[in-house]
Protein backbone atom coordinates (compact mmCIF):
# COMPACT_ATOMS: atom_id res chain seq x y z
CA UNK A 1 -10.09 4.55 11.37
CA UNK A 2 -8.09 2.55 13.59
CA UNK A 3 -9.66 1.17 16.69
CA UNK A 4 -6.69 -0.91 17.83
CA UNK A 5 -7.40 -4.41 16.13
CA UNK A 6 -9.89 -3.37 13.70
CA UNK A 7 -9.89 -0.76 10.94
CA UNK A 8 -13.16 1.04 9.89
CA UNK A 9 -13.78 2.85 6.61
CA UNK A 10 -16.70 5.46 6.99
CA UNK A 11 -18.45 7.00 3.85
CA UNK A 12 -20.71 9.86 4.30
CA UNK A 13 -23.55 10.19 1.94
CA UNK A 14 -23.13 13.85 1.60
CA UNK A 15 -19.69 13.19 0.13
CA UNK A 16 -19.19 15.04 -3.29
CA UNK A 17 -17.48 12.10 -4.91
CA UNK A 18 -19.32 9.19 -3.52
CA UNK A 19 -18.77 7.10 -6.46
CA UNK A 20 -14.98 7.57 -6.46
CA UNK A 21 -15.24 6.56 -2.68
CA UNK A 22 -16.77 3.26 -3.77
CA UNK A 23 -14.26 2.92 -6.74
CA UNK A 24 -11.49 3.26 -4.07
CA UNK A 25 -13.00 0.58 -1.98
CA UNK A 26 -13.51 -1.73 -4.80
CA UNK A 27 -9.80 -1.31 -5.67
CA UNK A 28 -8.73 -1.62 -2.02
CA UNK A 29 -10.33 -4.96 -1.76
CA UNK A 30 -9.29 -6.03 -5.14
CA UNK A 31 -6.20 -8.60 -5.47
CA UNK A 32 -3.92 -5.50 -6.29
CA UNK A 33 -5.12 -3.31 -3.49
CA UNK A 34 -4.65 -5.97 -0.92
CA UNK A 35 -0.93 -6.85 -2.26
CA UNK A 36 -0.35 -3.08 -2.06
CA UNK A 37 -1.60 -2.49 1.25
CA UNK A 38 -0.90 -5.53 3.50
CA UNK A 39 1.56 -4.95 6.39
CA UNK A 40 5.13 -6.26 6.43
CA UNK A 41 4.47 -7.62 9.75
CA UNK A 42 1.75 -10.07 8.63
CA UNK A 43 4.28 -11.47 6.10
CA UNK A 44 2.43 -9.70 3.33
CA UNK A 45 3.61 -6.87 0.78
CA UNK A 46 3.26 -3.37 1.29
CA UNK A 47 3.61 -0.47 -1.29
CA UNK A 48 3.62 -0.49 -5.14
CA UNK A 49 4.86 -3.73 -6.80
CA UNK A 50 8.32 -2.69 -8.48
CA UNK A 51 9.02 0.13 -6.03
CA UNK A 52 8.83 -1.66 -2.76
CA UNK A 53 8.69 -5.25 -3.65
CA UNK A 54 8.86 -7.83 -6.42
CA UNK A 55 7.87 -11.40 -7.11
CA UNK A 56 11.08 -13.71 -6.56
CA UNK A 57 11.36 -17.43 -7.07
CA UNK A 58 10.02 -18.07 -3.48
CA UNK A 59 7.51 -15.25 -3.40
CA UNK A 60 7.62 -11.45 -2.67
CA UNK A 61 10.89 -9.97 -2.03
CA UNK A 62 11.59 -6.44 -0.83
CA UNK A 63 13.55 -4.03 -3.27
CA UNK A 64 16.47 -2.01 -1.80
CA UNK A 65 13.94 0.94 -1.64
CA UNK A 66 11.45 -1.31 0.19
CA UNK A 67 14.03 -2.38 2.76
CA UNK A 68 15.09 1.27 3.57
CA UNK A 69 11.46 2.46 3.85
CA UNK A 70 10.52 -0.42 6.06
CA UNK A 71 13.36 0.33 8.41
CA UNK A 72 12.54 3.92 8.54
CA UNK A 73 15.76 5.16 6.54
CA UNK A 74 15.69 7.95 4.14
CA UNK A 75 14.68 6.49 0.70
CA UNK A 76 14.85 8.51 -2.28
CA UNK A 77 11.74 7.78 -4.48
CA UNK A 78 12.82 7.40 -7.95
CA UNK A 79 11.63 10.06 -10.58
CA UNK A 80 9.23 7.71 -12.24
CA UNK A 81 7.24 7.04 -8.97
CA UNK A 82 7.08 10.80 -8.22
CA UNK A 83 10.48 11.63 -6.30
CA UNK A 84 11.01 12.75 -2.88
CA UNK A 85 11.82 11.11 0.38
C-alpha cells in the first residue's frame, strides 16, 4: 500500500500461505530483491537483471528492452522471459 512517501506491506494472520508471504518479504529485502525492485528515478535498477538491465563497466546499464519499458513504449518480452508486451 502506498501512502505517498512510504510503502506499507500488510500480512494478515489469516492468510492461507503466511509462510510464503514471509519468504517473499525475505526475498524482497535481499540484495537480489532490492536490485530488482528499485525505481529508475532513484538511480537504481528495476526489473530482472538480464532482461531490463545488465552490469556495465561503470555500473548498471539499461538493456534495449529496459529503455523501451521505462519510456512506456511497447516492449516485446522475449520468450525465455514469458513473452507478451
